[in-house]
Amino acid sequence: MDAAAVSYETGSVTSLDGTVIGYRRFGSGPAVVLMHGSMMACHNFMRLGAALSGDFTVYLPDRRGRGMSGPCGPDFTLQRAAEDVGALMEQTGARNVFGLSAGAVPVLQWALTCPQGYKIAVYEPPLPVNGFSPVAWLPRYEREMAQGRPAAALVTVAKGTKDSRLIEALPRAVLVPLMGAGLRAQARQADGDVTLNDLIPTMSQDARLVLNATGLITASTAIQAEVLLLGGSKSARCFKDALDALHATVPHARRVELRRLGHLAADNGGHPGRVAHALADFFADDHPLPHRQDAR
């Protein structure tokens, strides 16, 4: 289904602390919740949702701090974000959930206590492993935001999160003016969607999630749900290392690498159809994954 032709309804759930989490809903079949990544809002998953909507009722929430959802607030933590996931799962009746990048971190945190019978898919959560810090860019980003330089701050994030080899290679003197022009153009064409200018400040909250997740890989031994660990062959080594560590830790896990894809494959601008195919196979599979001890 063409994402541009999708007709959707909007709705919301209320998280444990009273924060409203808004979503788009469309499609038919078993419910699936799709949690977007950093510098995104729910509209970034419209193509992914459209590809799944023939077989699933798709829920596309805006994570806290953007779009239809309430603010992060001063007490925002990884646990609060996990409570948002829990509210979405409980109040929509979904048993399937997918998280991309920073959106996968609260999904994994929620999974620590969710019962059996759920299926959880994550794509390259930015977790610290092998001495690598996924948010080493944070101090410079905060300085540039305080100076009122959002384009420079966005370049810092893009270089630090290693989403694009081209951006890593180009000098900041070239990237910052290009990014500024891109932000202005995107704001003019947003057509009611959340703009990149709106999203740049949310990176500090996403960094907080990652900082709160220091022990998440070790704690993942407690996950009882079936887990699909997705990644792209073209993604940075740090994402592959995090998936490898999770694969060695999560009891019921399957690791799938999608050839020729990178970190943002699930986004509208990536290859969401291929990600949707992997998700549909996993969510529709009635055969439970073996326990880690039985999978050797």
C-alpha atoms as a PDB file:
ATOM      1  CA  MET A   1       0.000   0.000   0.000  1.00  0.00           C
ATOM      2  CA  ASP A   2       1.217   3.509  -0.885  1.00  0.00           C
ATOM      3  CA  ALA A   3       1.876   5.496   2.291  1.00  0.00           C
ATOM      4  CA  ALA A   4       0.489   8.656   0.663  1.00  0.00           C
ATOM      5  CA  ALA A   5      -2.850   6.902   0.153  1.00  0.00           C
ATOM      6  CA  VAL A   6      -3.175   5.629   3.729  1.00  0.00           C
ATOM      7  CA  SER A   7      -6.172   6.936   5.622  1.00  0.00           C
ATOM      8  CA  TYR A   8      -5.589   6.870   9.354  1.00  0.00           C
ATOM      9  CA  GLU A   9      -7.341   7.680  12.594  1.00  0.00           C
ATOM     10  CA  THR A  10      -5.695   9.346  15.554  1.00  0.00           C
ATOM     11  CA  GLY A  11      -5.993   8.316  19.183  1.00  0.00           C
ATOM     12  CA  SER A  12      -4.071   8.325  22.419  1.00  0.00           C
ATOM     13  CA  VAL A  13      -3.240   6.377  25.549  1.00  0.00           C
ATOM     14  CA  THR A  14      -2.325   7.697  28.974  1.00  0.00           C
ATOM     15  CA  SER A  15       0.973   6.630  30.499  1.00  0.00           C
ATOM     16  CA  LEU A  16       1.465   5.820  34.167  1.00  0.00           C
ATOM     17  CA  ASP A  17       2.477   9.383  35.113  1.00  0.00           C
ATOM     18  CA  GLY A  18      -0.498  10.887  33.267  1.00  0.00           C
ATOM     19  CA  THR A  19       1.340  11.874  30.083  1.00  0.00           C
ATOM     20  CA  VAL A  20      -0.711  11.489  26.900  1.00  0.00           C
ATOM     21  CA  ILE A  21       0.905   9.480  24.091  1.00  0.00           C
ATOM     22  CA  GLY A  22      -0.786  10.149  20.753  1.00  0.00           C
ATOM     23  CA  TYR A  23      -0.754   7.819  17.771  1.00  0.00           C
ATOM     24  CA  ARG A  24      -1.935   7.187  14.221  1.00  0.00           C
ATOM     25  CA  ARG A  25      -3.865   3.953  13.590  1.00  0.00           C
ATOM     26  CA  PHE A  26      -4.675   2.144  10.345  1.00  0.00           C
ATOM     27  CA  GLY A  27      -4.807  -1.322   8.783  1.00  0.00           C
ATOM     28  CA  SER A  28      -6.505  -4.495  10.006  1.00  0.00           C
ATOM     29  CA  GLY A  29      -5.469  -7.637  11.837  1.00  0.00           C
ATOM     30  CA  PRO A  30      -3.430  -8.223  15.013  1.00  0.00           C
ATOM     31  CA  ALA A  31      -2.122  -5.006  16.518  1.00  0.00           C
ATOM     32  CA  VAL A  32       1.500  -3.917  16.173  1.00  0.00           C
ATOM     33  CA  VAL A  33       3.123  -0.845  17.751  1.00  0.00           C
ATOM     34  CA  LEU A  34       5.999   0.795  15.846  1.00  0.00           C
ATOM     35  CA  MET A  35       8.295   3.044  17.905  1.00  0.00           C
ATOM     36  CA  HIS A  36      10.284   5.512  15.799  1.00  0.00           C
ATOM     37  CA  GLY A  37      13.898   6.512  16.399  1.00  0.00           C
ATOM     38  CA  SER A  38      15.689   9.782  17.110  1.00  0.00           C
ATOM     39  CA  MET A  39      15.043  12.877  14.981  1.00  0.00           C
ATOM     40  CA  MET A  40      11.761  11.274  13.923  1.00  0.00           C
ATOM     41  CA  ALA A  41       8.051  11.375  14.676  1.00  0.00           C
ATOM     42  CA  CYS A  42       5.262   8.978  13.771  1.00  0.00           C
ATOM     43  CA  HIS A  43       5.052  10.209  10.165  1.00  0.00           C
ATOM     44  CA  ASN A  44       8.559   8.803   9.534  1.00  0.00           C
ATOM     45  CA  PHE A  45       7.097   5.288   9.789  1.00  0.00           C
ATOM     46  CA  MET A  46       4.182   5.760   7.389  1.00  0.00           C
ATOM     47  CA  ARG A  47       5.791   3.667   4.649  1.00  0.00           C
ATOM     48  CA  LEU A  48       6.741   0.928   7.105  1.00  0.00           C
ATOM     49  CA  GLY A  49       3.238   0.962   8.555  1.00  0.00           C
ATOM     50  CA  ALA A  50       1.646   0.901   5.116  1.00  0.00           C
ATOM     51  CA  ALA A  51       3.689  -2.175   4.186  1.00  0.00           C
ATOM     52  CA  LEU A  52       2.365  -3.958   7.297  1.00  0.00           C
ATOM     53  CA  SER A  53      -1.212  -2.677   7.210  1.00  0.00           C
ATOM     54  CA  GLY A  54      -2.586  -5.459   5.007  1.00  0.00           C
ATOM     55  CA  ASP A  55      -1.947  -7.967   7.794  1.00  0.00           C
ATOM     56  CA  PHE A  56      -1.812  -5.858  10.975  1.00  0.00           C
ATOM     57  CA  THR A  57      -3.563  -3.007  12.710  1.00  0.00           C
ATOM     58  CA  VAL A  58      -0.697  -0.530  12.880  1.00  0.00           C
ATOM     59  CA  TYR A  59      -0.186   1.933  15.725  1.00  0.00           C
ATOM     60  CA  LEU A  60       2.338   4.701  15.083  1.00  0.00           C
ATOM     61  CA  PRO A  61       2.899   6.691  18.293  1.00  0.00           C
ATOM     62  CA  ASP A  62       4.753   9.947  18.652  1.00  0.00           C
ATOM     63  CA  ARG A  63       7.287   9.385  21.416  1.00  0.00           C
ATOM     64  CA  ARG A  64       7.246  11.928  24.239  1.00  0.00           C
ATOM     65  CA  GLY A  65       8.219  15.473  23.425  1.00  0.00           C
ATOM     66  CA  ARG A  66       6.915  15.597  19.873  1.00  0.00           C
ATOM     67  CA  GLY A  67       3.774  15.713  17.780  1.00  0.00           C
ATOM     68  CA  MET A  68       0.593  14.439  19.414  1.00  0.00           C
ATOM     69  CA  SER A  69       2.292  13.358  22.642  1.00  0.00           C
ATOM     70  CA  GLY A  70       2.915  15.247  25.854  1.00  0.00           C
ATOM     71  CA  PRO A  71       6.233  16.751  26.980  1.00  0.00           C
ATOM     72  CA  CYS A  72       9.086  14.735  28.413  1.00  0.00           C
ATOM     73  CA  GLY A  73       9.111  16.829  31.581  1.00  0.00           C
ATOM     74  CA  PRO A  74      11.933  17.239  34.089  1.00  0.00           C
ATOM     75  CA  ASP A  75      11.521  13.726  35.514  1.00  0.00           C
ATOM     76  CA  PHE A  76      11.891  11.922  32.186  1.00  0.00           C
ATOM     77  CA  THR A  77      13.890   8.696  32.481  1.00  0.00           C
ATOM     78  CA  LEU A  78      14.231   5.402  30.653  1.00  0.00           C
ATOM     79  CA  GLN A  79      11.691   3.939  33.064  1.00  0.00           C
ATOM     80  CA  ARG A  80       9.160   6.632  32.104  1.00  0.00           C
ATOM     81  CA  ALA A  81       9.737   5.853  28.421  1.00  0.00           C
ATOM     82  CA  ALA A  82       9.271   2.130  29.124  1.00  0.00           C
ATOM     83  CA  GLU A  83       5.994   2.942  30.889  1.00  0.00           C
ATOM     84  CA  ASP A  84       4.870   4.670  27.691  1.00  0.00           C
ATOM     85  CA  VAL A  85       5.535   1.442  25.774  1.00  0.00           C
ATOM     86  CA  GLY A  86       3.621  -0.526  28.399  1.00  0.00           C
ATOM     87  CA  ALA A  87       0.643   1.819  28.183  1.00  0.00           C
ATOM     88  CA  LEU A  88       0.555   1.492  24.401  1.00  0.00           C
ATOM     89  CA  MET A  89       0.745  -2.293  24.545  1.00  0.00           C
ATOM     90  CA  GLU A  90      -1.896  -2.636  27.263  1.00  0.00           C
ATOM     91  CA  GLN A  91      -4.409  -0.102  26.006  1.00  0.00           C
ATOM     92  CA  THR A  92      -4.215  -1.122  22.315  1.00  0.00           C
ATOM     93  CA  GLY A  93      -4.146  -4.862  23.065  1.00  0.00           C
ATOM     94  CA  ALA A  94      -0.994  -5.255  20.953  1.00  0.00           C
ATOM     95  CA  ARG A  95       1.253  -8.273  21.418  1.00  0.00           C
ATOM     96  CA  ASN A  96       3.783  -7.168  18.780  1.00  0.00           C
ATOM     97  CA  VAL A  97       6.134  -4.182  19.032  1.00  0.00           C
ATOM     98  CA  PHE A  98       9.047  -2.812  16.991  1.00  0.00           C
ATOM     99  CA  GLY A  99      11.545  -0.135  17.980  1.00  0.00           C
ATOM    100  CA  LEU A 100      14.172   1.582  15.829  1.00  0.00           C
ATOM    101  CA  SER A 101      17.420   2.916  17.309  1.00  0.00           C
ATOM    102  CA  ALA A 102      16.660   5.101  20.370  1.00  0.00           C
ATOM    103  CA  GLY A 103      13.031   3.975  20.113  1.00  0.00           C
ATOM    104  CA  ALA A 104      14.221   0.403  20.706  1.00  0.00           C
ATOM    105  CA  VAL A 105      15.823   1.247  24.058  1.00  0.00           C
ATOM    106  CA  PRO A 106      12.563   1.769  26.023  1.00  0.00           C
ATOM    107  CA  VAL A 107      11.083  -1.248  24.226  1.00  0.00           C
ATOM    108  CA  LEU A 108      13.885  -3.396  25.642  1.00  0.00           C
ATOM    109  CA  GLN A 109      13.509  -1.818  29.072  1.00  0.00           C
ATOM    110  CA  TRP A 110       9.772  -2.619  29.057  1.00  0.00           C
ATOM    111  CA  ALA A 111      10.555  -6.150  27.856  1.00  0.00           C
ATOM    112  CA  LEU A 112      12.435  -6.871  31.089  1.00  0.00           C
ATOM    113  CA  THR A 113       9.123  -7.266  32.885  1.00  0.00           C
ATOM    114  CA  CYS A 114       6.638  -8.116  30.137  1.00  0.00           C
ATOM    115  CA  PRO A 115       5.136 -11.620  30.289  1.00  0.00           C
ATOM    116  CA  GLN A 116       5.530 -14.392  27.738  1.00  0.00           C
ATOM    117  CA  GLY A 117       3.297 -14.246  24.685  1.00  0.00           C
ATOM    118  CA  TYR A 118       4.694 -10.998  23.285  1.00  0.00           C
ATOM    119  CA  LYS A 119       6.965 -10.555  20.277  1.00  0.00           C
ATOM    120  CA  ILE A 120       9.551  -7.802  20.340  1.00  0.00           C
ATOM    121  CA  ALA A 121      11.635  -6.634  17.383  1.00  0.00           C
ATOM    122  CA  VAL A 122      14.383  -4.036  17.653  1.00  0.00           C
ATOM    123  CA  TYR A 123      16.607  -2.463  15.018  1.00  0.00           C
ATOM    124  CA  GLU A 124      20.062  -1.451  16.226  1.00  0.00           C
ATOM    125  CA  PRO A 125      19.492   0.088  19.666  1.00  0.00           C
ATOM    126  CA  PRO A 126      22.387   2.467  20.497  1.00  0.00           C
ATOM    127  CA  LEU A 127      23.662   0.717  23.617  1.00  0.00           C
ATOM    128  CA  PRO A 128      27.122   1.176  25.163  1.00  0.00           C
ATOM    129  CA  VAL A 129      29.346  -1.839  24.524  1.00  0.00           C
ATOM    130  CA  ASN A 130      33.096  -2.500  24.262  1.00  0.00           C
ATOM    131  CA  GLY A 131      33.899   0.887  25.757  1.00  0.00           C
ATOM    132  CA  PHE A 132      31.982   2.805  23.077  1.00  0.00           C
ATOM    133  CA  SER A 133      29.655   5.621  24.158  1.00  0.00           C
ATOM    134  CA  PRO A 134      26.745   6.181  21.737  1.00  0.00           C
ATOM    135  CA  VAL A 135      26.223   9.690  23.147  1.00  0.00           C
ATOM    136  CA  ALA A 136      29.774  11.061  23.191  1.00  0.00           C
ATOM    137  CA  TRP A 137      28.403  13.865  20.982  1.00  0.00           C
ATOM    138  CA  LEU A 138      26.139  15.196  23.773  1.00  0.00           C
ATOM    139  CA  PRO A 139      28.382  17.921  25.336  1.00  0.00           C
ATOM    140  CA  ARG A 140      29.093  19.621  21.997  1.00  0.00           C
ATOM    141  CA  TYR A 141      25.423  19.332  20.971  1.00  0.00           C
ATOM    142  CA  GLU A 142      24.336  21.002  24.230  1.00  0.00           C
ATOM    143  CA  ARG A 143      26.821  23.857  23.744  1.00  0.00           C
ATOM    144  CA  GLU A 144      25.605  24.492  20.200  1.00  0.00           C
ATOM    145  CA  MET A 145      21.954  24.394  21.255  1.00  0.00           C
ATOM    146  CA  ALA A 146      22.692  26.869  24.067  1.00  0.00           C
ATOM    147  CA  GLN A 147      24.351  29.135  21.478  1.00  0.00           C
ATOM    148  CA  GLY A 148      21.237  29.046  19.275  1.00  0.00           C
ATOM    149  CA  ARG A 149      22.946  27.064  16.510  1.00  0.00           C
ATOM    150  CA  PRO A 150      20.523  24.214  15.725  1.00  0.00           C
ATOM    151  CA  ALA A 151      22.081  23.402  12.338  1.00  0.00           C
ATOM    152  CA  ALA A 152      25.501  22.954  13.941  1.00  0.00           C
ATOM    153  CA  ALA A 153      23.931  20.855  16.710  1.00  0.00           C
ATOM    154  CA  LEU A 154      22.249  18.642  14.110  1.00  0.00           C
ATOM    155  CA  VAL A 155      25.567  18.122  12.324  1.00  0.00           C
ATOM    156  CA  THR A 156      27.120  17.133  15.653  1.00  0.00           C
ATOM    157  CA  VAL A 157      24.359  14.570  16.207  1.00  0.00           C
ATOM    158  CA  ALA A 158      24.588  13.216  12.662  1.00  0.00           C
ATOM    159  CA  LYS A 159      28.350  12.765  12.895  1.00  0.00           C
ATOM    160  CA  GLY A 160      28.184  11.329  16.395  1.00  0.00           C
ATOM    161  CA  THR A 161      25.412   8.806  15.747  1.00  0.00           C
ATOM    162  CA  LYS A 162      27.181   7.488  12.618  1.00  0.00           C
ATOM    163  CA  ASP A 163      23.964   7.272  10.607  1.00  0.00           C
ATOM    164  CA  SER A 164      25.662   8.277   7.357  1.00  0.00           C
ATOM    165  CA  ARG A 165      29.171   7.613   6.084  1.00  0.00           C
ATOM    166  CA  LEU A 166      28.872  10.619   3.780  1.00  0.00           C
ATOM    167  CA  ILE A 167      28.138  12.950   6.684  1.00  0.00           C
ATOM    168  CA  GLU A 168      31.019  11.445   8.646  1.00  0.00           C
ATOM    169  CA  ALA A 169      33.362  12.164   5.737  1.00  0.00           C
ATOM    170  CA  LEU A 170      32.318  15.750   4.906  1.00  0.00           C
ATOM    171  CA  PRO A 171      33.803  18.668   6.896  1.00  0.00           C
ATOM    172  CA  ARG A 172      31.592  20.654   9.255  1.00  0.00           C
ATOM    173  CA  ALA A 173      32.305  23.860   7.300  1.00  0.00           C
ATOM    174  CA  VAL A 174      30.416  22.324   4.375  1.00  0.00           C
ATOM    175  CA  LEU A 175      27.737  20.517   6.349  1.00  0.00           C
ATOM    176  CA  VAL A 176      26.522  23.268   8.691  1.00  0.00           C
ATOM    177  CA  PRO A 177      25.333  25.742   5.992  1.00  0.00           C
ATOM    178  CA  LEU A 178      23.861  22.872   3.981  1.00  0.00           C
ATOM    179  CA  MET A 179      22.032  21.639   7.070  1.00  0.00           C
ATOM    180  CA  GLY A 180      20.732  25.130   7.793  1.00  0.00           C
ATOM    181  CA  ALA A 181      19.333  25.432   4.276  1.00  0.00           C
ATOM    182  CA  GLY A 182      17.820  21.961   4.565  1.00  0.00           C
ATOM    183  CA  LEU A 183      16.115  22.833   7.843  1.00  0.00           C
ATOM    184  CA  ARG A 184      14.550  25.943   6.321  1.00  0.00           C
ATOM    185  CA  ALA A 185      13.366  24.055   3.249  1.00  0.00           C
ATOM    186  CA  GLN A 186      11.938  21.179   5.289  1.00  0.00           C
ATOM    187  CA  ALA A 187      10.045  23.603   7.542  1.00  0.00           C
ATOM    188  CA  ARG A 188       8.357  25.115   4.475  1.00  0.00           C
ATOM    189  CA  GLN A 189       7.330  21.677   3.166  1.00  0.00           C
ATOM    190  CA  ALA A 190       6.316  19.999   6.438  1.00  0.00           C
ATOM    191  CA  ASP A 191       2.562  20.216   5.677  1.00  0.00           C
ATOM    192  CA  GLY A 192       1.518  19.822   9.303  1.00  0.00           C
ATOM    193  CA  ASP A 193       4.032  17.129  10.227  1.00  0.00           C
ATOM    194  CA  VAL A 194       6.602  17.591  12.984  1.00  0.00           C
ATOM    195  CA  THR A 195       9.597  19.465  11.537  1.00  0.00           C
ATOM    196  CA  LEU A 196      13.287  18.770  11.996  1.00  0.00           C
ATOM    197  CA  ASN A 197      13.550  22.075  13.852  1.00  0.00           C
ATOM    198  CA  ASP A 198      10.996  20.697  16.315  1.00  0.00           C
ATOM    199  CA  LEU A 199      12.947  17.468  16.680  1.00  0.00           C
ATOM    200  CA  ILE A 200      16.486  18.767  17.246  1.00  0.00           C
ATOM    201  CA  PRO A 201      15.803  19.624  20.938  1.00  0.00           C
ATOM    202  CA  THR A 202      14.500  16.082  21.567  1.00  0.00           C
ATOM    203  CA  MET A 203      17.989  14.664  21.124  1.00  0.00           C
ATOM    204  CA  SER A 204      18.904  15.569  24.695  1.00  0.00           C
ATOM    205  CA  GLN A 205      16.048  13.388  25.974  1.00  0.00           C
ATOM    206  CA  ASP A 206      17.045  10.502  23.713  1.00  0.00           C
ATOM    207  CA  ALA A 207      20.610  10.815  24.974  1.00  0.00           C
ATOM    208  CA  ARG A 208      19.239  10.565  28.507  1.00  0.00           C
ATOM    209  CA  LEU A 209      17.560   7.266  27.587  1.00  0.00           C
ATOM    210  CA  VAL A 210      20.874   5.871  26.362  1.00  0.00           C
ATOM    211  CA  LEU A 211      22.724   7.082  29.467  1.00  0.00           C
ATOM    212  CA  ASN A 212      20.085   5.353  31.621  1.00  0.00           C
ATOM    213  CA  ALA A 213      20.595   2.104  29.659  1.00  0.00           C
ATOM    214  CA  THR A 214      24.136   1.320  30.821  1.00  0.00           C
ATOM    215  CA  GLY A 215      23.173  -2.030  32.372  1.00  0.00           C
ATOM    216  CA  LEU A 216      20.406  -2.942  29.931  1.00  0.00           C
ATOM    217  CA  ILE A 217      22.349  -5.585  28.002  1.00  0.00           C
ATOM    218  CA  THR A 218      23.247  -7.480  31.161  1.00  0.00           C
ATOM    219  CA  ALA A 219      19.691  -7.141  32.495  1.00  0.00           C
ATOM    220  CA  SER A 220      18.279  -8.572  29.239  1.00  0.00           C
ATOM    221  CA  THR A 221      18.768 -12.094  30.571  1.00  0.00           C
ATOM    222  CA  ALA A 222      15.374 -11.490  32.242  1.00  0.00           C
ATOM    223  CA  ILE A 223      13.474 -11.031  28.961  1.00  0.00           C
ATOM    224  CA  GLN A 224      10.948 -13.852  28.505  1.00  0.00           C
ATOM    225  CA  ALA A 225       9.386 -12.653  25.262  1.00  0.00           C
ATOM    226  CA  GLU A 226      10.579 -13.703  21.814  1.00  0.00           C
ATOM    227  CA  VAL A 227      12.966 -11.100  20.405  1.00  0.00           C
ATOM    228  CA  LEU A 228      14.061 -10.331  16.843  1.00  0.00           C
ATOM    229  CA  LEU A 229      17.367  -8.446  16.634  1.00  0.00           C
ATOM    230  CA  LEU A 230      17.490  -6.643  13.298  1.00  0.00           C
ATOM    231  CA  GLY A 231      20.372  -4.750  11.746  1.00  0.00           C
ATOM    232  CA  GLY A 232      21.874  -3.732   8.428  1.00  0.00           C
ATOM    233  CA  SER A 233      25.086  -4.974   6.862  1.00  0.00           C
ATOM    234  CA  LYS A 234      26.101  -1.364   6.050  1.00  0.00           C
ATOM    235  CA  SER A 235      25.591  -0.083   9.604  1.00  0.00           C
ATOM    236  CA  ALA A 236      28.416   1.089  11.838  1.00  0.00           C
ATOM    237  CA  ARG A 237      30.359  -1.471  13.872  1.00  0.00           C
ATOM    238  CA  CYS A 238      29.019  -0.091  17.171  1.00  0.00           C
ATOM    239  CA  PHE A 239      25.452  -1.096  16.278  1.00  0.00           C
ATOM    240  CA  LYS A 240      26.527  -4.591  15.264  1.00  0.00           C
ATOM    241  CA  ASP A 241      28.455  -4.992  18.523  1.00  0.00           C
ATOM    242  CA  ALA A 242      25.369  -4.045  20.545  1.00  0.00           C
ATOM    243  CA  LEU A 243      23.225  -6.560  18.649  1.00  0.00           C
ATOM    244  CA  ASP A 244      25.858  -9.263  19.119  1.00  0.00           C
ATOM    245  CA  ALA A 245      25.898  -8.583  22.860  1.00  0.00           C
ATOM    246  CA  LEU A 246      22.114  -8.757  23.052  1.00  0.00           C
ATOM    247  CA  HIS A 247      22.078 -11.966  21.025  1.00  0.00           C
ATOM    248  CA  ALA A 248      24.414 -13.555  23.551  1.00  0.00           C
ATOM    249  CA  THR A 249      22.250 -12.374  26.456  1.00  0.00           C
ATOM    250  CA  VAL A 250      18.545 -12.476  25.540  1.00  0.00           C
ATOM    251  CA  PRO A 251      17.213 -16.020  26.148  1.00  0.00           C
ATOM    252  CA  HIS A 252      14.797 -16.222  23.184  1.00  0.00           C
ATOM    253  CA  ALA A 253      16.489 -14.189  20.448  1.00  0.00           C
ATOM    254  CA  ARG A 254      16.938 -14.393  16.693  1.00  0.00           C
ATOM    255  CA  ARG A 255      19.550 -12.234  14.929  1.00  0.00           C
ATOM    256  CA  VAL A 256      18.893 -11.128  11.332  1.00  0.00           C
ATOM    257  CA  GLU A 257      21.173  -8.885   9.267  1.00  0.00           C
ATOM    258  CA  LEU A 258      19.623  -7.268   6.191  1.00  0.00           C
ATOM    259  CA  ARG A 259      22.088  -7.025   3.332  1.00  0.00           C
ATOM    260  CA  ARG A 260      22.972  -3.632   1.852  1.00  0.00           C
ATOM    261  CA  LEU A 261      20.897  -1.745   4.439  1.00  0.00           C
ATOM    262  CA  GLY A 262      22.024   0.809   7.006  1.00  0.00           C
ATOM    263  CA  HIS A 263      20.896   2.150  10.359  1.00  0.00           C
ATOM    264  CA  LEU A 264      17.818   4.057   9.167  1.00  0.00           C
ATOM    265  CA  ALA A 265      16.379   1.395   6.883  1.00  0.00           C
ATOM    266  CA  ALA A 266      12.940   1.469   8.562  1.00  0.00           C
ATOM    267  CA  ASP A 267      12.485   5.225   7.944  1.00  0.00           C
ATOM    268  CA  ASN A 268      10.426   6.509   5.013  1.00  0.00           C
ATOM    269  CA  GLY A 269      13.661   7.470   3.262  1.00  0.00           C
ATOM    270  CA  GLY A 270      15.272   4.064   3.720  1.00  0.00           C
ATOM    271  CA  HIS A 271      14.029   0.632   2.687  1.00  0.00           C
ATOM    272  CA  PRO A 272      10.996   0.115   4.945  1.00  0.00           C
ATOM    273  CA  GLY A 273       9.526  -2.569   2.687  1.00  0.00           C
ATOM    274  CA  ARG A 274      12.398  -4.927   3.450  1.00  0.00           C
ATOM    275  CA  VAL A 275      12.167  -4.221   7.167  1.00  0.00           C
ATOM    276  CA  ALA A 276       8.403  -4.807   7.015  1.00  0.00           C
ATOM    277  CA  HIS A 277       8.957  -8.188   5.348  1.00  0.00           C
ATOM    278  CA  ALA A 278      11.239  -9.306   8.182  1.00  0.00           C
ATOM    279  CA  LEU A 279       8.799  -8.026  10.792  1.00  0.00           C
ATOM    280  CA  ALA A 280       5.777  -9.680   9.190  1.00  0.00           C
ATOM    281  CA  ASP A 281       7.557 -13.035   9.065  1.00  0.00           C
ATOM    282  CA  PHE A 282       8.526 -12.762  12.728  1.00  0.00           C
ATOM    283  CA  PHE A 283       5.177 -11.537  14.056  1.00  0.00           C
ATOM    284  CA  ALA A 284       3.233 -14.131  12.055  1.00  0.00           C
ATOM    285  CA  ASP A 285       5.496 -17.078  13.003  1.00  0.00           C
ATOM    286  CA  ASP A 286       3.625 -19.351  15.412  1.00  0.00           C
ATOM    287  CA  HIS A 287       6.727 -21.386  16.311  1.00  0.00           C
ATOM    288  CA  PRO A 288       8.409 -20.077  19.463  1.00  0.00           C
ATOM    289  CA  LEU A 289      12.136 -19.515  19.447  1.00  0.00           C
ATOM    290  CA  PRO A 290      14.149 -22.036  21.467  1.00  0.00           C
ATOM    291  CA  HIS A 291      15.704 -21.005  24.756  1.00  0.00           C
ATOM    292  CA  ARG A 292      19.292 -19.804  24.365  1.00  0.00           C
ATOM    293  CA  GLN A 293      20.601 -23.001  26.011  1.00  0.00           C
ATOM    294  CA  ASP A 294      18.701 -25.113  23.499  1.00  0.00           C
ATOM    295  CA  ALA A 295      19.758 -23.116  20.439  1.00  0.00           C
ATOM    296  CA  ARG A 296      23.353 -24.230  20.175  1.00  0.00           C
END
